[in-house]
Amino acid sequence: AGELGCLICNTSHEPIAARDPGVKALIHKHFARVEKSFESALRNAVAAGELRIDRAQIRRSARLLYGVLVSLLVLLRAGESRAVLKDIANTAVDSI
């Protein structure tokens, strides 16, 4: 079935990420885009009345989800069970 994981997460801890400013910039741009996507989804949920949190909580929650996503990708790569990954993801979503 091949190796599982995220190209960006894998690249972020390779020596090239520290040595090449272009690679480092692309990694940061990708991670910022992920965080902003979570923030946008949370704002949409608030606007639709599906979620009641303020602007500061939206930002913190987006960062939480971003951090959890990256962690899940690392844990997936390490061979963690789907049951554990699902528990982590569900707990993160429930915390919001």
PDB file of N, CA and C in Angstrom:
ATOM      1  N   ALA A   1       0.823  -1.198   0.000  1.00  0.00           N
ATOM      2  CA  ALA A   1       0.000   0.000   0.000  1.00  0.00           C
ATOM      3  C   ALA A   1       0.858   1.249   0.000  1.00  0.00           C
ATOM      4  N   GLY A   2       2.150   1.116   0.218  1.00  0.00           N
ATOM      5  CA  GLY A   2       3.037   2.273   0.154  1.00  0.00           C
ATOM      6  C   GLY A   2       3.102   3.033   1.450  1.00  0.00           C
ATOM      7  N   GLU A   3       3.969   4.015   1.482  1.00  0.00           N
ATOM      8  CA  GLU A   3       4.154   4.861   2.657  1.00  0.00           C
ATOM      9  C   GLU A   3       3.045   5.901   2.726  1.00  0.00           C
ATOM     10  N   LEU A   4       2.541   6.108   3.918  1.00  0.00           N
ATOM     11  CA  LEU A   4       1.529   7.134   4.124  1.00  0.00           C
ATOM     12  C   LEU A   4       2.169   8.338   4.791  1.00  0.00           C
ATOM     13  N   GLY A   5       1.595   9.475   4.603  1.00  0.00           N
ATOM     14  CA  GLY A   5       2.103  10.685   5.231  1.00  0.00           C
ATOM     15  C   GLY A   5       1.849  11.886   4.352  1.00  0.00           C
ATOM     16  N   CYS A   6       2.436  12.967   4.732  1.00  0.00           N
ATOM     17  CA  CYS A   6       2.224  14.234   4.053  1.00  0.00           C
ATOM     18  C   CYS A   6       3.556  14.731   3.519  1.00  0.00           C
ATOM     19  N   LEU A   7       3.613  15.039   2.238  1.00  0.00           N
ATOM     20  CA  LEU A   7       4.839  15.513   1.616  1.00  0.00           C
ATOM     21  C   LEU A   7       5.369  16.757   2.324  1.00  0.00           C
ATOM     22  N   ILE A   8       4.494  17.679   2.668  1.00  0.00           N
ATOM     23  CA  ILE A   8       4.922  18.905   3.334  1.00  0.00           C
ATOM     24  C   ILE A   8       5.484  18.588   4.718  1.00  0.00           C
ATOM     25  N   CYS A   9       4.783  17.746   5.495  1.00  0.00           N
ATOM     26  CA  CYS A   9       5.284  17.389   6.827  1.00  0.00           C
ATOM     27  C   CYS A   9       6.616  16.668   6.722  1.00  0.00           C
ATOM     28  N   ASN A  10       6.710  15.749   5.780  1.00  0.00           N
ATOM     29  CA  ASN A  10       7.966  15.012   5.611  1.00  0.00           C
ATOM     30  C   ASN A  10       9.092  15.950   5.205  1.00  0.00           C
ATOM     31  N   THR A  11       8.830  16.850   4.286  1.00  0.00           N
ATOM     32  CA  THR A  11       9.857  17.772   3.806  1.00  0.00           C
ATOM     33  C   THR A  11      10.265  18.757   4.897  1.00  0.00           C
ATOM     34  N   SER A  12       9.329  19.138   5.757  1.00  0.00           N
ATOM     35  CA  SER A  12       9.619  20.151   6.770  1.00  0.00           C
ATOM     36  C   SER A  12      10.710  19.733   7.743  1.00  0.00           C
ATOM     37  N   HIS A  13      10.940  18.451   7.896  1.00  0.00           N
ATOM     38  CA  HIS A  13      11.996  18.042   8.825  1.00  0.00           C
ATOM     39  C   HIS A  13      13.239  17.509   8.103  1.00  0.00           C
ATOM     40  N   GLU A  14      13.280  17.674   6.802  1.00  0.00           N
ATOM     41  CA  GLU A  14      14.470  17.312   6.029  1.00  0.00           C
ATOM     42  C   GLU A  14      15.477  18.463   6.054  1.00  0.00           C
ATOM     43  N   PRO A  15      16.764  18.156   5.922  1.00  0.00           N
ATOM     44  CA  PRO A  15      17.788  19.220   5.939  1.00  0.00           C
ATOM     45  C   PRO A  15      17.556  20.326   4.909  1.00  0.00           C
ATOM     46  N   ILE A  16      16.975  19.994   3.764  1.00  0.00           N
ATOM     47  CA  ILE A  16      16.762  21.018   2.734  1.00  0.00           C
ATOM     48  C   ILE A  16      15.845  22.127   3.231  1.00  0.00           C
ATOM     49  N   ALA A  17      14.921  21.797   4.110  1.00  0.00           N
ATOM     50  CA  ALA A  17      13.983  22.807   4.622  1.00  0.00           C
ATOM     51  C   ALA A  17      14.721  23.873   5.438  1.00  0.00           C
ATOM     52  N   ALA A  18      15.782  23.474   6.091  1.00  0.00           N
ATOM     53  CA  ALA A  18      16.560  24.436   6.874  1.00  0.00           C
ATOM     54  C   ALA A  18      17.559  25.202   6.007  1.00  0.00           C
ATOM     55  N   ARG A  19      18.045  24.558   4.946  1.00  0.00           N
ATOM     56  CA  ARG A  19      19.090  25.169   4.116  1.00  0.00           C
ATOM     57  C   ARG A  19      18.553  26.029   2.988  1.00  0.00           C
ATOM     58  N   ASP A  20      17.407  25.680   2.454  1.00  0.00           N
ATOM     59  CA  ASP A  20      16.884  26.359   1.263  1.00  0.00           C
ATOM     60  C   ASP A  20      15.739  27.292   1.652  1.00  0.00           C
ATOM     61  N   PRO A  21      15.960  28.608   1.571  1.00  0.00           N
ATOM     62  CA  PRO A  21      14.911  29.554   1.958  1.00  0.00           C
ATOM     63  C   PRO A  21      13.642  29.414   1.112  1.00  0.00           C
ATOM     64  N   GLY A  22      13.776  29.019  -0.144  1.00  0.00           N
ATOM     65  CA  GLY A  22      12.604  28.835  -0.996  1.00  0.00           C
ATOM     66  C   GLY A  22      11.738  27.682  -0.524  1.00  0.00           C
ATOM     67  N   VAL A  23      12.365  26.586  -0.152  1.00  0.00           N
ATOM     68  CA  VAL A  23      11.628  25.424   0.360  1.00  0.00           C
ATOM     69  C   VAL A  23      10.967  25.789   1.685  1.00  0.00           C
ATOM     70  N   LYS A  24      11.727  26.450   2.548  1.00  0.00           N
ATOM     71  CA  LYS A  24      11.190  26.865   3.850  1.00  0.00           C
ATOM     72  C   LYS A  24       9.979  27.777   3.666  1.00  0.00           C
ATOM     73  N   ALA A  25      10.057  28.697   2.732  1.00  0.00           N
ATOM     74  CA  ALA A  25       8.948  29.625   2.476  1.00  0.00           C
ATOM     75  C   ALA A  25       7.715  28.886   1.969  1.00  0.00           C
ATOM     76  N   LEU A  26       7.916  27.911   1.088  1.00  0.00           N
ATOM     77  CA  LEU A  26       6.782  27.134   0.572  1.00  0.00           C
ATOM     78  C   LEU A  26       6.102  26.331   1.676  1.00  0.00           C
ATOM     79  N   ILE A  27       6.892  25.767   2.571  1.00  0.00           N
ATOM     80  CA  ILE A  27       6.334  25.001   3.691  1.00  0.00           C
ATOM     81  C   ILE A  27       5.500  25.919   4.579  1.00  0.00           C
ATOM     82  N   HIS A  28       6.065  27.077   4.937  1.00  0.00           N
ATOM     83  CA  HIS A  28       5.325  28.025   5.781  1.00  0.00           C
ATOM     84  C   HIS A  28       4.057  28.527   5.081  1.00  0.00           C
ATOM     85  N   LYS A  29       4.145  28.765   3.782  1.00  0.00           N
ATOM     86  CA  LYS A  29       2.973  29.217   3.021  1.00  0.00           C
ATOM     87  C   LYS A  29       1.874  28.153   3.050  1.00  0.00           C
ATOM     88  N   HIS A  30       2.268  26.900   2.879  1.00  0.00           N
ATOM     89  CA  HIS A  30       1.284  25.817   2.914  1.00  0.00           C
ATOM     90  C   HIS A  30       0.622  25.727   4.288  1.00  0.00           C
ATOM     91  N   PHE A  31       1.431  25.740   5.348  1.00  0.00           N
ATOM     92  CA  PHE A  31       0.870  25.634   6.688  1.00  0.00           C
ATOM     93  C   PHE A  31      -0.030  26.836   7.003  1.00  0.00           C
ATOM     94  N   ALA A  32       0.334  28.021   6.550  1.00  0.00           N
ATOM     95  CA  ALA A  32      -0.513  29.203   6.760  1.00  0.00           C
ATOM     96  C   ALA A  32      -1.839  29.051   6.019  1.00  0.00           C
ATOM     97  N   ARG A  33      -1.783  28.493   4.824  1.00  0.00           N
ATOM     98  CA  ARG A  33      -3.005  28.263   4.046  1.00  0.00           C
ATOM     99  C   ARG A  33      -3.927  27.263   4.756  1.00  0.00           C
ATOM    100  N   VAL A  34      -3.355  26.229   5.330  1.00  0.00           N
ATOM    101  CA  VAL A  34      -4.150  25.243   6.075  1.00  0.00           C
ATOM    102  C   VAL A  34      -4.836  25.917   7.259  1.00  0.00           C
ATOM    103  N   GLU A  35      -4.070  26.693   8.021  1.00  0.00           N
ATOM    104  CA  GLU A  35      -4.643  27.385   9.173  1.00  0.00           C
ATOM    105  C   GLU A  35      -5.762  28.336   8.744  1.00  0.00           C
ATOM    106  N   LYS A  36      -5.526  29.100   7.684  1.00  0.00           N
ATOM    107  CA  LYS A  36      -6.543  30.037   7.191  1.00  0.00           C
ATOM    108  C   LYS A  36      -7.795  29.298   6.699  1.00  0.00           C
ATOM    109  N   SER A  37      -7.622  28.130   6.137  1.00  0.00           N
ATOM    110  CA  SER A  37      -8.770  27.332   5.685  1.00  0.00           C
ATOM    111  C   SER A  37      -9.628  26.904   6.866  1.00  0.00           C
ATOM    112  N   PHE A  38      -8.984  26.473   7.940  1.00  0.00           N
ATOM    113  CA  PHE A  38      -9.743  26.124   9.146  1.00  0.00           C
ATOM    114  C   PHE A  38     -10.447  27.361   9.697  1.00  0.00           C
ATOM    115  N   GLU A  39      -9.756  28.488   9.701  1.00  0.00           N
ATOM    116  CA  GLU A  39     -10.348  29.729  10.203  1.00  0.00           C
ATOM    117  C   GLU A  39     -11.579  30.110   9.372  1.00  0.00           C
ATOM    118  N   SER A  40     -11.470  29.999   8.072  1.00  0.00           N
ATOM    119  CA  SER A  40     -12.589  30.313   7.183  1.00  0.00           C
ATOM    120  C   SER A  40     -13.767  29.375   7.425  1.00  0.00           C
ATOM    121  N   ALA A  41     -13.483  28.095   7.575  1.00  0.00           N
ATOM    122  CA  ALA A  41     -14.557  27.126   7.826  1.00  0.00           C
ATOM    123  C   ALA A  41     -15.256  27.420   9.155  1.00  0.00           C
ATOM    124  N   LEU A  42     -14.483  27.783  10.159  1.00  0.00           N
ATOM    125  CA  LEU A  42     -15.081  28.106  11.457  1.00  0.00           C
ATOM    126  C   LEU A  42     -15.921  29.386  11.376  1.00  0.00           C
ATOM    127  N   ARG A  43     -15.433  30.402  10.660  1.00  0.00           N
ATOM    128  CA  ARG A  43     -16.230  31.631  10.471  1.00  0.00           C
ATOM    129  C   ARG A  43     -17.536  31.313   9.749  1.00  0.00           C
ATOM    130  N   ASN A  44     -17.472  30.455   8.749  1.00  0.00           N
ATOM    131  CA  ASN A  44     -18.681  30.058   8.023  1.00  0.00           C
ATOM    132  C   ASN A  44     -19.662  29.339   8.943  1.00  0.00           C
ATOM    133  N   ALA A  45     -19.141  28.489   9.820  1.00  0.00           N
ATOM    134  CA  ALA A  45     -20.005  27.769  10.760  1.00  0.00           C
ATOM    135  C   ALA A  45     -20.669  28.739  11.737  1.00  0.00           C
ATOM    136  N   VAL A  46     -19.930  29.749  12.183  1.00  0.00           N
ATOM    137  CA  VAL A  46     -20.506  30.771  13.061  1.00  0.00           C
ATOM    138  C   VAL A  46     -21.587  31.547  12.317  1.00  0.00           C
ATOM    139  N   ALA A  47     -21.299  31.956  11.087  1.00  0.00           N
ATOM    140  CA  ALA A  47     -22.264  32.722  10.286  1.00  0.00           C
ATOM    141  C   ALA A  47     -23.533  31.923  10.020  1.00  0.00           C
ATOM    142  N   ALA A  48     -23.403  30.613   9.900  1.00  0.00           N
ATOM    143  CA  ALA A  48     -24.560  29.748   9.635  1.00  0.00           C
ATOM    144  C   ALA A  48     -25.305  29.379  10.911  1.00  0.00           C
ATOM    145  N   GLY A  49     -24.798  29.831  12.061  1.00  0.00           N
ATOM    146  CA  GLY A  49     -25.448  29.521  13.327  1.00  0.00           C
ATOM    147  C   GLY A  49     -25.151  28.122  13.837  1.00  0.00           C
ATOM    148  N   GLU A  50     -24.169  27.469  13.257  1.00  0.00           N
ATOM    149  CA  GLU A  50     -23.820  26.103  13.656  1.00  0.00           C
ATOM    150  C   GLU A  50     -22.839  26.068  14.816  1.00  0.00           C
ATOM    151  N   LEU A  51     -22.250  27.206  15.119  1.00  0.00           N
ATOM    152  CA  LEU A  51     -21.201  27.278  16.126  1.00  0.00           C
ATOM    153  C   LEU A  51     -21.261  28.652  16.776  1.00  0.00           C
ATOM    154  N   ARG A  52     -21.057  28.702  18.077  1.00  0.00           N
ATOM    155  CA  ARG A  52     -21.070  29.975  18.793  1.00  0.00           C
ATOM    156  C   ARG A  52     -19.730  30.194  19.480  1.00  0.00           C
ATOM    157  N   ILE A  53     -18.829  30.854  18.767  1.00  0.00           N
ATOM    158  CA  ILE A  53     -17.550  31.237  19.344  1.00  0.00           C
ATOM    159  C   ILE A  53     -17.194  32.623  18.817  1.00  0.00           C
ATOM    160  N   ASP A  54     -16.388  33.364  19.596  1.00  0.00           N
ATOM    161  CA  ASP A  54     -16.027  34.711  19.170  1.00  0.00           C
ATOM    162  C   ASP A  54     -14.796  34.687  18.259  1.00  0.00           C
ATOM    163  N   ARG A  55     -14.409  35.876  17.771  1.00  0.00           N
ATOM    164  CA  ARG A  55     -13.302  35.963  16.801  1.00  0.00           C
ATOM    165  C   ARG A  55     -11.997  35.406  17.348  1.00  0.00           C
ATOM    166  N   ALA A  56     -11.710  35.700  18.601  1.00  0.00           N
ATOM    167  CA  ALA A  56     -10.465  35.193  19.199  1.00  0.00           C
ATOM    168  C   ALA A  56     -10.509  33.665  19.302  1.00  0.00           C
ATOM    169  N   GLN A  57     -11.673  33.130  19.643  1.00  0.00           N
ATOM    170  CA  GLN A  57     -11.816  31.672  19.729  1.00  0.00           C
ATOM    171  C   GLN A  57     -11.719  31.024  18.348  1.00  0.00           C
ATOM    172  N   ILE A  58     -12.202  31.716  17.330  1.00  0.00           N
ATOM    173  CA  ILE A  58     -12.078  31.189  15.967  1.00  0.00           C
ATOM    174  C   ILE A  58     -10.607  31.019  15.627  1.00  0.00           C
ATOM    175  N   ARG A  59      -9.819  32.034  15.899  1.00  0.00           N
ATOM    176  CA  ARG A  59      -8.383  31.964  15.572  1.00  0.00           C
ATOM    177  C   ARG A  59      -7.686  30.865  16.360  1.00  0.00           C
ATOM    178  N   ARG A  60      -7.954  30.800  17.662  1.00  0.00           N
ATOM    179  CA  ARG A  60      -7.328  29.761  18.493  1.00  0.00           C
ATOM    180  C   ARG A  60      -7.772  28.372  18.063  1.00  0.00           C
ATOM    181  N   SER A  61      -9.035  28.224  17.726  1.00  0.00           N
ATOM    182  CA  SER A  61      -9.552  26.922  17.297  1.00  0.00           C
ATOM    183  C   SER A  61      -8.963  26.507  15.956  1.00  0.00           C
ATOM    184  N   ALA A  62      -8.795  27.468  15.058  1.00  0.00           N
ATOM    185  CA  ALA A  62      -8.169  27.164  13.767  1.00  0.00           C
ATOM    186  C   ALA A  62      -6.737  26.681  13.980  1.00  0.00           C
ATOM    187  N   ARG A  63      -6.037  27.322  14.888  1.00  0.00           N
ATOM    188  CA  ARG A  63      -4.659  26.903  15.182  1.00  0.00           C
ATOM    189  C   ARG A  63      -4.629  25.527  15.844  1.00  0.00           C
ATOM    190  N   LEU A  64      -5.595  25.259  16.703  1.00  0.00           N
ATOM    191  CA  LEU A  64      -5.694  23.934  17.313  1.00  0.00           C
ATOM    192  C   LEU A  64      -5.897  22.875  16.235  1.00  0.00           C
ATOM    193  N   LEU A  65      -6.852  23.119  15.348  1.00  0.00           N
ATOM    194  CA  LEU A  65      -7.133  22.138  14.290  1.00  0.00           C
ATOM    195  C   LEU A  65      -5.942  21.949  13.366  1.00  0.00           C
ATOM    196  N   TYR A  66      -5.255  23.025  13.056  1.00  0.00           N
ATOM    197  CA  TYR A  66      -4.038  22.948  12.237  1.00  0.00           C
ATOM    198  C   TYR A  66      -2.988  22.082  12.933  1.00  0.00           C
ATOM    199  N   GLY A  67      -2.774  22.324  14.222  1.00  0.00           N
ATOM    200  CA  GLY A  67      -1.808  21.534  14.979  1.00  0.00           C
ATOM    201  C   GLY A  67      -2.198  20.071  15.072  1.00  0.00           C
ATOM    202  N   VAL A  68      -3.477  19.828  15.256  1.00  0.00           N
ATOM    203  CA  VAL A  68      -3.960  18.451  15.328  1.00  0.00           C
ATOM    204  C   VAL A  68      -3.792  17.764  13.976  1.00  0.00           C
ATOM    205  N   LEU A  69      -4.091  18.459  12.897  1.00  0.00           N
ATOM    206  CA  LEU A  69      -3.920  17.873  11.564  1.00  0.00           C
ATOM    207  C   LEU A  69      -2.474  17.454  11.335  1.00  0.00           C
ATOM    208  N   VAL A  70      -1.544  18.343  11.627  1.00  0.00           N
ATOM    209  CA  VAL A  70      -0.125  18.017  11.430  1.00  0.00           C
ATOM    210  C   VAL A  70       0.257  16.821  12.311  1.00  0.00           C
ATOM    211  N   SER A  71      -0.211  16.830  13.545  1.00  0.00           N
ATOM    212  CA  SER A  71       0.073  15.707  14.440  1.00  0.00           C
ATOM    213  C   SER A  71      -0.500  14.403  13.911  1.00  0.00           C
ATOM    214  N   LEU A  72      -1.712  14.471  13.394  1.00  0.00           N
ATOM    215  CA  LEU A  72      -2.332  13.267  12.832  1.00  0.00           C
ATOM    216  C   LEU A  72      -1.530  12.724  11.658  1.00  0.00           C
ATOM    217  N   LEU A  73      -1.034  13.614  10.812  1.00  0.00           N
ATOM    218  CA  LEU A  73      -0.235  13.177   9.669  1.00  0.00           C
ATOM    219  C   LEU A  73       1.057  12.500  10.119  1.00  0.00           C
ATOM    220  N   VAL A  74       1.679  13.043  11.158  1.00  0.00           N
ATOM    221  CA  VAL A  74       2.901  12.433  11.696  1.00  0.00           C
ATOM    222  C   VAL A  74       2.581  11.080  12.321  1.00  0.00           C
ATOM    223  N   LEU A  75       1.514  11.024  13.098  1.00  0.00           N
ATOM    224  CA  LEU A  75       1.131   9.765  13.735  1.00  0.00           C
ATOM    225  C   LEU A  75       0.737   8.709  12.702  1.00  0.00           C
ATOM    226  N   LEU A  76       0.068   9.125  11.649  1.00  0.00           N
ATOM    227  CA  LEU A  76      -0.282   8.210  10.562  1.00  0.00           C
ATOM    228  C   LEU A  76       0.981   7.617   9.962  1.00  0.00           C
ATOM    229  N   ARG A  77       1.937   8.476   9.702  1.00  0.00           N
ATOM    230  CA  ARG A  77       3.214   8.044   9.130  1.00  0.00           C
ATOM    231  C   ARG A  77       3.926   7.058  10.064  1.00  0.00           C
ATOM    232  N   ALA A  78       3.765   7.264  11.377  1.00  0.00           N
ATOM    233  CA  ALA A  78       4.399   6.401  12.374  1.00  0.00           C
ATOM    234  C   ALA A  78       3.658   5.084  12.570  1.00  0.00           C
ATOM    235  N   GLY A  79       2.502   4.932  11.892  1.00  0.00           N
ATOM    236  CA  GLY A  79       1.771   3.670  11.961  1.00  0.00           C
ATOM    237  C   GLY A  79       0.730   3.584  13.053  1.00  0.00           C
ATOM    238  N   GLU A  80       0.338   4.722  13.600  1.00  0.00           N
ATOM    239  CA  GLU A  80      -0.683   4.715  14.648  1.00  0.00           C
ATOM    240  C   GLU A  80      -1.989   4.165  14.094  1.00  0.00           C
ATOM    241  N   SER A  81      -2.772   3.551  14.956  1.00  0.00           N
ATOM    242  CA  SER A  81      -4.028   2.932  14.517  1.00  0.00           C
ATOM    243  C   SER A  81      -5.061   3.990  14.140  1.00  0.00           C
ATOM    244  N   ARG A  82      -5.932   3.618  13.245  1.00  0.00           N
ATOM    245  CA  ARG A  82      -7.003   4.535  12.827  1.00  0.00           C
ATOM    246  C   ARG A  82      -7.916   4.875  13.998  1.00  0.00           C
ATOM    247  N   ALA A  83      -8.115   3.944  14.916  1.00  0.00           N
ATOM    248  CA  ALA A  83      -8.971   4.204  16.078  1.00  0.00           C
ATOM    249  C   ALA A  83      -8.391   5.338  16.927  1.00  0.00           C
ATOM    250  N   VAL A  84      -7.079   5.331  17.146  1.00  0.00           N
ATOM    251  CA  VAL A  84      -6.431   6.396  17.921  1.00  0.00           C
ATOM    252  C   VAL A  84      -6.523   7.717  17.166  1.00  0.00           C
ATOM    253  N   LEU A  85      -6.249   7.699  15.869  1.00  0.00           N
ATOM    254  CA  LEU A  85      -6.329   8.916  15.069  1.00  0.00           C
ATOM    255  C   LEU A  85      -7.734   9.493  15.098  1.00  0.00           C
ATOM    256  N   LYS A  86      -8.723   8.632  14.998  1.00  0.00           N
ATOM    257  CA  LYS A  86     -10.117   9.078  15.021  1.00  0.00           C
ATOM    258  C   LYS A  86     -10.465   9.683  16.381  1.00  0.00           C
ATOM    259  N   ASP A  87     -10.001   9.070  17.459  1.00  0.00           N
ATOM    260  CA  ASP A  87     -10.246   9.622  18.797  1.00  0.00           C
ATOM    261  C   ASP A  87      -9.637  11.013  18.940  1.00  0.00           C
ATOM    262  N   ILE A  88      -8.415  11.185  18.458  1.00  0.00           N
ATOM    263  CA  ILE A  88      -7.752  12.486  18.538  1.00  0.00           C
ATOM    264  C   ILE A  88      -8.539  13.530  17.747  1.00  0.00           C
ATOM    265  N   ALA A  89      -8.907  13.193  16.521  1.00  0.00           N
ATOM    266  CA  ALA A  89      -9.641  14.136  15.663  1.00  0.00           C
ATOM    267  C   ALA A  89     -10.991  14.491  16.283  1.00  0.00           C
ATOM    268  N   ASN A  90     -11.713  13.493  16.751  1.00  0.00           N
ATOM    269  CA  ASN A  90     -13.028  13.750  17.356  1.00  0.00           C
ATOM    270  C   ASN A  90     -12.929  14.593  18.611  1.00  0.00           C
ATOM    271  N   THR A  91     -11.916  14.351  19.433  1.00  0.00           N
ATOM    272  CA  THR A  91     -11.721  15.134  20.656  1.00  0.00           C
ATOM    273  C   THR A  91     -11.419  16.591  20.313  1.00  0.00           C
ATOM    274  N   ALA A  92     -10.598  16.802  19.288  1.00  0.00           N
ATOM    275  CA  ALA A  92     -10.279  18.179  18.865  1.00  0.00           C
ATOM    276  C   ALA A  92     -11.537  18.903  18.402  1.00  0.00           C
ATOM    277  N   VAL A  93     -12.335  18.254  17.589  1.00  0.00           N
ATOM    278  CA  VAL A  93     -13.562  18.869  17.082  1.00  0.00           C
ATOM    279  C   VAL A  93     -14.540  19.106  18.240  1.00  0.00           C
ATOM    280  N   ASP A  94     -14.664  18.135  19.128  1.00  0.00           N
ATOM    281  CA  ASP A  94     -15.576  18.290  20.275  1.00  0.00           C
ATOM    282  C   ASP A  94     -15.150  19.434  21.187  1.00  0.00           C
ATOM    283  N   SER A  95     -13.859  19.732  21.249  1.00  0.00           N
ATOM    284  CA  SER A  95     -13.384  20.792  22.137  1.00  0.00           C
ATOM    285  C   SER A  95     -13.798  22.174  21.662  1.00  0.00           C
ATOM    286  N   ILE A  96     -14.168  22.266  20.392  1.00  0.00           N
ATOM    287  CA  ILE A  96     -14.595  23.557  19.841  1.00  0.00           C
ATOM    288  C   ILE A  96     -16.080  23.725  20.069  1.00  0.00           C
TER     289      ILE A  96
END
